[in-house]
């Protein structure tokens, strides 16, 4: 089975970083979902549309279809990821056989004048291919529609180490005073977190490993940084093009956004530990790709006054609508309830004597932050986004709060 190539990773992650700079609020988006569509369109385009699409892709138009097929084949090798491509054409639209043959086999369907039934079929395809996370196709068929080219991606992973769920009340920042669904865990892997410097500021990055080769990276920047600056740094961390100073090597004190290293007493020698505090979230977003035509190479292609895809069909075609619907959910997945029986010896005579000190690395994602879900082997970013609305803690189920890191520590 084909693997995602380094060249594909470079091209698609580049689109992820550029797209991130266009974000202004909470969102989820997938560049691997857009890239193959743009590539197949470039293969059949001519004139300025062909050049603009090639520029957005970072690959010559004559190589675009082959690169798209290579990427789709590579995505099929990613554990935990399901990827599909679909093409539907109006029954009277003649396609160039050379172009249609360049698409993966079994992807072509037709629709007629019954647009309601056709839309239902498209929506059902979207829901089926994403396990119900996206319930309908992001575009709506109209009388002028002649073709729909679509991709669907669905990814899943369970944490290697589950989180404990406790309410979280941030004492500062935009989430101050809210009762959030906090997630907490402690481990002896301090280098799962680290800090990197960029021209825009420092960024703290935490890797949450999945059990099937997909990792989710949480990234927190300085408060003055934009989502695009933080997520672009996150792409660099995923690709390892930005050096990361691991938590186990950092000096004591406040060493990065949301990141503290401190000493605390212990009754016996203990290794350096990592304490993680974050929030559960669900992020949904709908993206109009034509609102950012330069980013996606669609400026000329969206001009309905001219034909731009003679390599697709002799019938004059332009891009009338291009959208993406995306959803991302983060929680204590893989967590299972169990009963634990433990013996707790105590020091005879009362209070134990603290003869040792241990180092604790604490990281808290208690204000807006970014996330990037990536294939561990290839370092391809499959889904990325920005969290502004974390999940609230269920009313009536409030327990003790997870305390924030000590001030000045």
Protein backbone atom coordinates (compact mmCIF):
# COMPACT_ATOMS: atom_id res chain seq x y z
CA UNK A 1 0.00 0.00 0.00
CA UNK A 2 1.31 3.46 -0.91
CA UNK A 3 2.44 5.83 1.81
CA UNK A 4 2.09 9.60 1.89
CA UNK A 5 5.25 10.98 0.28
CA UNK A 6 7.41 13.76 1.68
CA UNK A 7 6.53 15.90 -1.33
CA UNK A 8 2.79 15.49 -0.67
CA UNK A 9 3.29 16.38 2.98
CA UNK A 10 5.20 19.52 2.05
CA UNK A 11 2.54 20.69 -0.42
CA UNK A 12 -0.51 19.95 1.71
CA UNK A 13 0.98 21.16 4.99
CA UNK A 14 1.93 24.35 3.18
CA UNK A 15 -1.74 24.88 2.31
CA UNK A 16 -2.65 24.17 5.95
CA UNK A 17 -0.27 26.88 7.17
CA UNK A 18 -1.52 29.43 4.62
CA UNK A 19 -5.16 28.64 5.36
CA UNK A 20 -4.53 29.04 9.09
CA UNK A 21 -3.51 32.66 8.54
CA UNK A 22 -7.01 33.36 7.16
CA UNK A 23 -8.71 32.25 10.39
CA UNK A 24 -10.18 34.82 12.73
CA UNK A 25 -12.27 32.69 15.07
CA UNK A 26 -12.92 29.12 16.21
CA UNK A 27 -12.80 26.78 13.24
CA UNK A 28 -11.83 23.32 11.99
CA UNK A 29 -10.48 22.72 8.52
CA UNK A 30 -8.80 20.03 6.45
CA UNK A 31 -6.33 20.90 3.70
CA UNK A 32 -6.07 17.23 2.58
CA UNK A 33 -9.80 17.43 1.83
CA UNK A 34 -9.33 20.42 -0.51
CA UNK A 35 -5.99 19.67 -2.20
CA UNK A 36 -7.10 16.71 -4.40
CA UNK A 37 -10.13 18.65 -5.68
CA UNK A 38 -7.99 21.60 -6.70
CA UNK A 39 -5.54 19.21 -8.36
CA UNK A 40 -8.15 17.45 -10.49
CA UNK A 41 -9.61 20.82 -11.47
CA UNK A 42 -6.15 22.07 -12.43
CA UNK A 43 -5.69 19.01 -14.63
CA UNK A 44 -8.69 20.05 -16.73
CA UNK A 45 -8.23 23.82 -16.57
CA UNK A 46 -6.80 26.24 -19.12
CA UNK A 47 -5.57 29.82 -19.20
CA UNK A 48 -5.30 31.90 -16.03
CA UNK A 49 -7.39 29.38 -14.04
CA UNK A 50 -4.84 26.65 -14.76
CA UNK A 51 -1.93 28.83 -13.68
CA UNK A 52 -3.66 30.03 -10.50
CA UNK A 53 -4.64 26.51 -9.44
CA UNK A 54 -1.10 25.26 -10.05
CA UNK A 55 0.23 28.12 -7.93
CA UNK A 56 -2.08 27.24 -5.04
CA UNK A 57 -1.12 23.56 -5.28
CA UNK A 58 2.62 24.07 -5.57
CA UNK A 59 2.80 21.60 -8.47
CA UNK A 60 2.65 22.09 -12.27
CA UNK A 61 -0.87 21.57 -13.63
CA UNK A 62 0.24 18.73 -15.92
CA UNK A 63 1.42 16.82 -12.82
CA UNK A 64 -1.56 17.70 -10.62
CA UNK A 65 -3.81 14.69 -11.32
CA UNK A 66 -0.98 12.25 -10.71
CA UNK A 67 -0.10 14.03 -7.47
CA UNK A 68 -3.76 13.88 -6.37
CA UNK A 69 -3.95 10.15 -7.05
CA UNK A 70 -0.70 9.68 -5.14
CA UNK A 71 -2.06 11.65 -2.17
CA UNK A 72 -5.36 9.73 -2.10
CA UNK A 73 -3.48 6.42 -2.25
CA UNK A 74 -1.25 7.60 0.58
CA UNK A 75 -4.23 8.64 2.70
CA UNK A 76 -5.62 5.12 2.32
CA UNK A 77 -2.52 3.85 4.16
CA UNK A 78 -3.09 6.06 7.23
CA UNK A 79 -4.47 4.01 10.09
CA UNK A 80 -7.63 5.52 11.57
CA UNK A 81 -8.39 7.59 8.47
CA UNK A 82 -11.08 6.95 5.86
CA UNK A 83 -10.85 9.00 2.65
CA UNK A 84 -13.11 9.00 -0.39
CA UNK A 85 -13.57 10.97 -3.59
CA UNK A 86 -16.83 11.31 -5.50
CA UNK A 87 -17.81 12.82 -8.86
CA UNK A 88 -21.38 13.42 -9.95
CA UNK A 89 -22.25 14.95 -13.32
CA UNK A 90 -25.48 16.12 -14.91
CA UNK A 91 -26.71 13.37 -17.23
CA UNK A 92 -26.32 15.57 -20.31
CA UNK A 93 -22.75 16.71 -19.61
CA UNK A 94 -20.12 15.16 -21.91
CA UNK A 95 -16.81 14.54 -20.11
CA UNK A 96 -13.39 14.31 -21.69
CA UNK A 97 -12.49 10.66 -21.34
CA UNK A 98 -8.84 11.51 -20.66
CA UNK A 99 -9.83 13.61 -17.65
CA UNK A 100 -12.40 11.19 -16.26
CA UNK A 101 -9.94 8.31 -16.57
CA UNK A 102 -7.53 10.21 -14.34
CA UNK A 103 -9.89 9.94 -11.36
CA UNK A 104 -9.91 6.87 -9.10
CA UNK A 105 -12.14 4.07 -10.33
CA UNK A 106 -15.70 3.83 -9.06
CA UNK A 107 -16.09 7.50 -8.20
CA UNK A 108 -18.44 8.65 -10.98
CA UNK A 109 -22.21 9.01 -10.68
CA UNK A 110 -24.85 11.06 -12.51
CA UNK A 111 -27.84 13.17 -11.54
CA UNK A 112 -30.83 14.39 -13.51
CA UNK A 113 -33.50 17.04 -13.24
CA UNK A 114 -34.87 15.73 -9.92
CA UNK A 115 -32.58 17.86 -7.79
CA UNK A 116 -34.29 16.97 -4.50
CA UNK A 117 -33.55 13.28 -4.92
CA UNK A 118 -30.05 14.02 -6.20
CA UNK A 119 -29.30 16.25 -3.20
CA UNK A 120 -30.52 13.54 -0.85
CA UNK A 121 -28.09 11.10 -2.49
CA UNK A 122 -25.21 13.54 -2.13
CA UNK A 123 -26.06 14.25 1.50
CA UNK A 124 -26.30 10.52 2.23
CA UNK A 125 -22.85 10.00 0.69
CA UNK A 126 -21.37 12.72 2.90
CA UNK A 127 -22.96 11.28 6.04
CA UNK A 128 -21.98 7.71 5.23
CA UNK A 129 -18.37 8.55 4.42
CA UNK A 130 -17.88 10.54 7.63
CA UNK A 131 -19.74 8.29 10.04
CA UNK A 132 -22.47 10.90 10.46
CA UNK A 133 -20.16 13.69 11.65
CA UNK A 134 -20.97 15.75 8.55
CA UNK A 135 -24.63 15.17 7.78
CA UNK A 136 -24.90 16.82 4.37
CA UNK A 137 -22.93 17.95 1.37
CA UNK A 138 -21.68 21.53 1.84
CA UNK A 139 -22.92 22.58 -1.63
CA UNK A 140 -26.55 22.67 -2.78
CA UNK A 141 -27.55 21.58 -6.29
CA UNK A 142 -29.17 24.20 -8.48
CA UNK A 143 -30.59 24.16 -12.00
CA UNK A 144 -27.27 25.48 -13.27
CA UNK A 145 -25.24 22.73 -11.60
CA UNK A 146 -23.45 20.44 -14.02
CA UNK A 147 -20.96 18.67 -11.83
CA UNK A 148 -20.06 18.02 -8.18
CA UNK A 149 -16.56 16.85 -7.24
CA UNK A 150 -16.17 16.04 -3.56
CA UNK A 151 -13.89 14.43 -1.00
CA UNK A 152 -14.75 13.03 2.42
CA UNK A 153 -12.28 12.40 5.25
CA UNK A 154 -13.03 10.82 8.61
CA UNK A 155 -10.36 10.11 11.24
CA UNK A 156 -10.47 8.61 14.69
CA UNK A 157 -8.09 7.64 17.48
CA UNK A 158 -8.20 6.76 21.15
CA UNK A 159 -5.69 8.13 23.62
CA UNK A 160 -2.94 5.83 24.76
CA UNK A 161 -3.43 7.31 28.21
CA UNK A 162 -6.92 8.53 29.12
CA UNK A 163 -7.74 11.85 30.71
CA UNK A 164 -9.61 12.29 33.99
CA UNK A 165 -12.59 14.61 33.68
CA UNK A 166 -12.99 17.38 36.26
CA UNK A 167 -14.59 20.82 36.14
CA UNK A 168 -12.23 23.64 35.27
CA UNK A 169 -12.76 27.29 36.25
CA UNK A 170 -10.10 29.50 34.60
CA UNK A 171 -9.20 32.42 36.85
CA UNK A 172 -8.12 34.72 33.99
CA UNK A 173 -8.45 35.17 30.26
CA UNK A 174 -11.53 35.01 27.99
CA UNK A 175 -12.82 31.84 29.71
CA UNK A 176 -12.64 33.32 33.22
CA UNK A 177 -15.64 32.51 35.39
CA UNK A 178 -16.92 29.69 33.16
CA UNK A 179 -17.38 26.09 34.29
CA UNK A 180 -15.65 23.98 31.64
CA UNK A 181 -15.29 20.27 30.99
CA UNK A 182 -11.68 20.02 32.11
CA UNK A 183 -9.40 17.14 31.16
CA UNK A 184 -6.42 16.25 33.36
CA UNK A 185 -3.70 13.64 33.38
CA UNK A 186 -0.29 13.01 34.88
CA UNK A 187 2.57 11.07 33.25
CA UNK A 188 6.33 10.54 33.44
CA UNK A 189 6.85 11.79 29.86
CA UNK A 190 7.73 15.48 30.32
CA UNK A 191 9.03 15.76 26.75
CA UNK A 192 5.49 15.32 25.40
CA UNK A 193 5.37 19.08 25.91
CA UNK A 194 7.84 21.70 24.80
CA UNK A 195 8.29 25.30 23.76
CA UNK A 196 9.55 26.82 20.51
CA UNK A 197 10.41 30.36 19.49
CA UNK A 198 9.12 32.00 16.32
CA UNK A 199 9.47 35.54 14.93
CA UNK A 200 5.92 36.14 16.17
CA UNK A 201 6.44 34.86 19.72
CA UNK A 202 6.81 31.71 21.81
CA UNK A 203 4.52 28.71 21.33
CA UNK A 204 3.92 25.79 23.70
CA UNK A 205 3.14 22.47 22.00
CA UNK A 206 1.78 19.28 23.57
CA UNK A 207 1.58 15.92 21.78
CA UNK A 208 -1.35 13.67 22.72
CA UNK A 209 -0.55 10.26 21.17
CA UNK A 210 -3.34 8.15 19.72
CA UNK A 211 -3.35 4.37 19.69
CA UNK A 212 -3.32 3.99 15.91
CA UNK A 213 -0.63 6.30 14.60
CA UNK A 214 -2.58 9.57 14.72
CA UNK A 215 -1.37 12.23 17.17
CA UNK A 216 -3.15 15.43 18.17
CA UNK A 217 -0.92 18.42 18.87
CA UNK A 218 -2.27 21.21 21.08
CA UNK A 219 -0.55 24.56 20.55
CA UNK A 220 -0.78 27.66 22.75
CA UNK A 221 0.87 30.94 21.80
CA UNK A 222 1.45 34.21 23.55
CA UNK A 223 -1.81 36.12 24.08
CA UNK A 224 -0.91 38.73 21.47
CA UNK A 225 -0.41 36.11 18.72
CA UNK A 226 -3.04 35.39 16.07
CA UNK A 227 -4.52 31.92 15.43
CA UNK A 228 -2.68 31.80 12.12
CA UNK A 229 0.68 32.54 13.72
CA UNK A 230 0.17 29.85 16.37
CA UNK A 231 -1.10 27.20 13.93
CA UNK A 232 1.66 27.93 11.42
CA UNK A 233 4.14 27.31 14.24
CA UNK A 234 2.24 24.11 15.00
CA UNK A 235 2.79 22.91 11.43
CA UNK A 236 6.51 23.56 11.95
CA UNK A 237 6.44 21.54 15.17
CA UNK A 238 4.65 18.63 13.47
CA UNK A 239 7.15 18.65 10.60
CA UNK A 240 10.06 19.13 13.05
CA UNK A 241 11.25 22.13 11.08
CA UNK A 242 10.95 24.20 14.27
CA UNK A 243 13.20 23.09 17.17
CA UNK A 244 11.28 22.20 20.32
CA UNK A 245 12.84 22.42 23.80
CA UNK A 246 11.35 19.47 25.69
CA UNK A 247 9.77 19.88 29.12
CA UNK A 248 12.43 17.71 30.74
CA UNK A 249 15.22 20.12 29.74
CA UNK A 250 13.59 23.42 30.75
CA UNK A 251 14.67 25.53 33.70
CA UNK A 252 12.37 26.25 36.61
CA UNK A 253 9.71 28.93 36.43
CA UNK A 254 7.31 30.20 33.78
CA UNK A 255 9.02 28.85 30.63
CA UNK A 256 6.39 29.24 27.91
CA UNK A 257 2.73 30.11 27.28
CA UNK A 258 0.74 28.14 29.85
CA UNK A 259 3.88 26.19 30.80
CA UNK A 260 5.51 26.09 34.24
CA UNK A 261 8.34 24.01 35.73
CA UNK A 262 8.58 23.81 39.51
CA UNK A 263 9.89 21.77 42.41
CA UNK A 264 7.58 20.14 44.92
CA UNK A 265 8.19 17.96 47.97
CA UNK A 266 8.06 14.17 47.71
CA UNK A 267 8.33 11.31 50.21
CA UNK A 268 10.59 9.28 47.91
CA UNK A 269 12.71 9.87 44.77
CA UNK A 270 10.44 10.36 41.75
CA UNK A 271 11.11 11.05 38.07
CA UNK A 272 10.18 14.34 36.49
CA UNK A 273 6.45 14.31 35.77
CA UNK A 274 4.14 16.09 33.35
CA UNK A 275 0.78 17.39 34.47
CA UNK A 276 -1.60 18.32 31.63
CA UNK A 277 -4.70 20.42 32.01
CA UNK A 278 -6.88 21.14 28.98
CA UNK A 279 -10.55 21.20 27.96
CA UNK A 280 -12.90 19.04 25.95
CA UNK A 281 -14.24 20.69 22.83
CA UNK A 282 -16.25 20.28 19.67
CA UNK A 283 -15.49 22.63 16.80
CA UNK A 284 -17.69 22.82 13.71
CA UNK A 285 -17.15 25.11 10.76
CA UNK A 286 -18.38 25.77 7.24
CA UNK A 287 -15.89 27.34 4.85
CA UNK A 288 -16.68 29.18 1.64
CA UNK A 289 -13.56 28.59 -0.43
CA UNK A 290 -14.58 31.25 -2.92
CA UNK A 291 -14.38 33.83 -0.14
CA UNK A 292 -10.60 33.21 -0.26
CA UNK A 293 -10.12 32.65 -4.00
CA UNK A 294 -6.46 33.64 -4.03
CA UNK A 295 -5.58 31.09 -1.35
CA UNK A 296 -7.14 28.23 -3.31
CA UNK A 297 -6.30 29.43 -6.83
CA UNK A 298 -9.96 29.95 -7.71
CA UNK A 299 -10.05 33.64 -8.69
CA UNK A 300 -10.31 33.10 -12.44
CA UNK A 301 -12.03 29.73 -12.14
CA UNK A 302 -14.98 31.39 -10.37
CA UNK A 303 -15.61 33.85 -13.23
CA UNK A 304 -18.83 32.47 -14.72
CA UNK A 305 -18.49 34.72 -17.73
CA UNK A 306 -15.85 32.45 -19.27
CA UNK A 307 -15.07 28.75 -19.70
CA UNK A 308 -12.06 27.55 -17.70
CA UNK A 309 -12.07 23.73 -17.89
CA UNK A 310 -11.89 22.59 -21.51
CA UNK A 311 -9.91 19.58 -20.39
CA UNK A 312 -12.89 18.41 -18.32
CA UNK A 313 -15.64 18.92 -20.87
CA UNK A 314 -16.32 20.69 -24.16
CA UNK A 315 -19.27 22.22 -22.31
CA UNK A 316 -18.22 25.61 -20.80
CA UNK A 317 -17.63 25.27 -17.06
CA UNK A 318 -16.69 27.56 -14.14
CA UNK A 319 -16.65 27.03 -10.38
CA UNK A 320 -19.95 28.35 -9.01
CA UNK A 321 -19.56 27.16 -5.41
CA UNK A 322 -16.80 25.61 -3.34
CA UNK A 323 -17.21 24.92 0.36
CA UNK A 324 -16.04 22.69 3.20
CA UNK A 325 -17.91 21.55 6.30
CA UNK A 326 -15.65 20.30 9.09
CA UNK A 327 -16.03 19.09 12.66
CA UNK A 328 -13.46 18.15 15.31
CA UNK A 329 -14.15 16.67 18.75
CA UNK A 330 -11.66 16.26 21.60
CA UNK A 331 -12.50 14.53 24.87
CA UNK A 332 -11.54 11.80 27.31
CA UNK A 333 -11.96 9.14 24.60
CA UNK A 334 -10.90 5.66 25.42
CA UNK A 335 -11.67 6.40 29.07
CA UNK A 336 -13.33 3.41 30.73
CA UNK A 337 -14.79 3.15 34.17
CA UNK A 338 -13.14 0.71 36.56
CA UNK A 339 -12.79 0.00 40.30
CA UNK A 340 -9.31 0.18 41.82
CA UNK A 341 -8.43 -1.25 45.26
CA UNK A 342 -5.24 0.11 46.80
CA UNK A 343 -3.21 -0.22 50.00
CA UNK A 344 -1.88 3.05 51.34
CA UNK A 345 0.90 2.68 53.88
CA UNK A 346 1.57 5.81 55.93
CA UNK A 347 4.56 6.79 58.02
CA UNK A 348 4.21 5.59 61.57
CA UNK A 349 3.92 8.44 63.97
CA UNK A 350 1.93 10.95 61.88
CA UNK A 351 3.09 13.41 59.19
CA UNK A 352 5.57 11.91 56.70
CA UNK A 353 9.02 13.43 56.44
CA UNK A 354 9.64 15.12 53.08
CA UNK A 355 13.29 14.30 52.41
CA UNK A 356 13.25 14.68 48.61
CA UNK A 357 12.15 17.04 45.85
CA UNK A 358 10.76 16.19 42.44
CA UNK A 359 10.31 18.31 39.33
CA UNK A 360 6.82 18.82 37.91
CA UNK A 361 6.17 20.24 34.44
CA UNK A 362 2.69 21.75 34.31
CA UNK A 363 0.90 22.89 31.16
CA UNK A 364 -2.57 24.45 30.99
CA UNK A 365 -4.62 25.13 27.88
CA UNK A 366 -7.17 27.37 29.61
CA UNK A 367 -7.58 30.04 26.92
CA UNK A 368 -8.04 29.84 23.12
CA UNK A 369 -5.55 27.47 21.49
CA UNK A 370 -4.94 25.55 18.29
CA UNK A 371 -4.89 21.86 17.43
CA UNK A 372 -3.43 19.77 14.61
CA UNK A 373 -4.28 16.11 14.06
CA UNK A 374 -1.44 14.49 12.15
CA UNK A 375 -0.29 11.14 10.83
CA UNK A 376 2.64 10.22 13.07
CA UNK A 377 4.66 8.49 10.35
CA UNK A 378 4.40 10.98 7.47
CA UNK A 379 3.74 14.14 9.57
CA UNK A 380 0.85 15.06 7.28
CA UNK A 381 -1.63 17.37 9.07
CA UNK A 382 -5.07 15.83 8.46
CA UNK A 383 -7.22 18.30 10.40
CA UNK A 384 -6.44 21.57 12.14
CA UNK A 385 -8.36 24.29 13.92
CA UNK A 386 -8.72 26.86 16.65
CA UNK A 387 -10.68 26.43 19.89
CA UNK A 388 -12.62 29.41 21.23
CA UNK A 389 -15.65 27.64 22.73
CA UNK A 390 -14.69 24.69 24.96
CA UNK A 391 -17.32 22.27 26.20
CA UNK A 392 -19.14 23.35 29.39
CA UNK A 393 -19.19 21.08 32.40
CA UNK A 394 -22.61 19.42 32.85
CA UNK A 395 -24.83 21.37 35.26
CA UNK A 396 -25.54 19.46 38.44
CA UNK A 397 -22.38 17.35 38.13
CA UNK A 398 -19.85 19.79 39.47
CA UNK A 399 -17.01 18.48 41.56
CA UNK A 400 -13.76 19.97 42.77
CA UNK A 401 -12.11 22.30 40.30
CA UNK A 402 -8.72 21.67 38.77
CA UNK A 403 -6.60 24.47 40.22
CA UNK A 404 -4.63 26.74 37.89
CA UNK A 405 -0.82 26.74 38.10
CA UNK A 406 0.43 28.80 41.06
CA UNK A 407 0.98 32.43 40.05
CA UNK A 408 4.58 33.38 39.43
CA UNK A 409 5.73 29.76 39.42
